[in-house]
Amino acid sequence: MGDRMYGQWIGRYKGSNEGIVMVDIDQLDGRFSGAGVLFDDAGLPGSLVTFETMDCSLTQSFQNLPVVPLDPHSANVVTLDFLKQYYAEQGKELNFPATATINLKLNREELEVDWTTDIGSAGSAKLPRTDAGNDSEIVPQAAVTNWNEFKSAVAALERGRFIFRGQPSVWRLRTTFHRTNRKNVFRFMVEDIPRLHQRLSGLTGHFFNLNDNQQNGAFWNLIQHHGYPTPLLDWSNSPFVAAFFAYRNKLQDDELAPKVRIYAFDKQEWVKDFVQLGKLAPAMPHFSILECLALENPRLVPQQALSSVTNVDDIESYIRQREIEKGKTYLSAYDLPANDVADVLGELVMMGITAGSLFPGLDGACEEWKYRNFGFR
């Protein structure tokens, strides 16, 4: 672990200013590709830099990297001329760098970063490696140890307040994108999405306008539902649909783990307490709820589905920090015995929650009738 520079690195920086810095690094063929963003505590414009290395050395230096300014309110990329005019209209003068010299050094479990700019500003940070690859630290609900107790527990929850996610094991909450070796969400947006849009447009009846935020979100949601890794997580308004996915995926993916996990997330309080961002980057670290359009996605309605979008690899630690700040619990979990798979899926069939109902089409119907005719084992 200590010799791996690729990953996500988040922490605080000090120097001419103070604030939050986030560095995402991908490892490509014999080199690194990354992006770093700074957000200033004083509300000054943020900064974005992108970089590529010549090799995979654990010490890297970059001379005169262009610094891209970010709008202090939206964090969108803007021109320096736009920002200077904006500040001038308020009777203020903006002194913003055009380039920076940046050094990166991996020191065991920390990424050491320092920089100087063409206007003389400087800063440094020691960014810890995230816990995203570790086991989940969430303690499941002790009073819920079996399917009947789970049904009673979720029936007592306030209707419409929580959303649910089922997993075939007690994995840490993490997007499919971040579970890969990819971390640089800028590459995902500027390379993956346009290329996929070009390739898939001939296969969809609707032409997705990626410049429209709602259609862009719908496109991401569509490719997520068809197996492409994205920074989205699938959730359901139904705890029983979430249970279906936990046990159904247990059959398909992970026979050995003794427990399945169903997460419950307090969407109502989270949305009330934190600004929800419909963008991935550039942005402060965030975890936001999306209600995507069901364009070309007939699964969305029967699954009672919605999504979260995040630029954070270690979602669990991020949510835990927000819980400490607010003195609330947003995320909880129920761990149920995996060997109850046949009984639980059999009961869900009686509720009308089956592969055929949740995956409209030939594949879903065949999966459902495979289990009906051959059993769940």
Foldseek 3Di string as FASTA:
>chain_A
DLLDPADKWKDWKDWPFIFIKIKHWFDDVFKIKIKMKTQTPVLDWIWIFIDIDPGSDQKDKDPFTFIFTAHSPQRHTDHPVVVQVVQVVVVHGDDDFGTKIKIWHRDRQWIWIKIAGPVGTIMIDTTGHDCLVPFDPFDADPQFAADVSVVVVVVPDDQPQKKKAKAQARHFDFFQCLVDSGQHVVCCVPPVVVVCLVVCVVVFPDNQDCVDLQSVVLVQVVVVVVPDTDQKDKIASDQLLNVCCNLVVCLVPPVPHFKIKMKMFRQNVVVVPDPADSDEPPDDWDKHWADHDCGRNPLCVLSNITMIGTSDGRVSVVQVVVCVVVVHDGMHMHIYGNVCSQVSVVVVVVVVNALCRNPPDDVSVVRRVCCVPVNSD
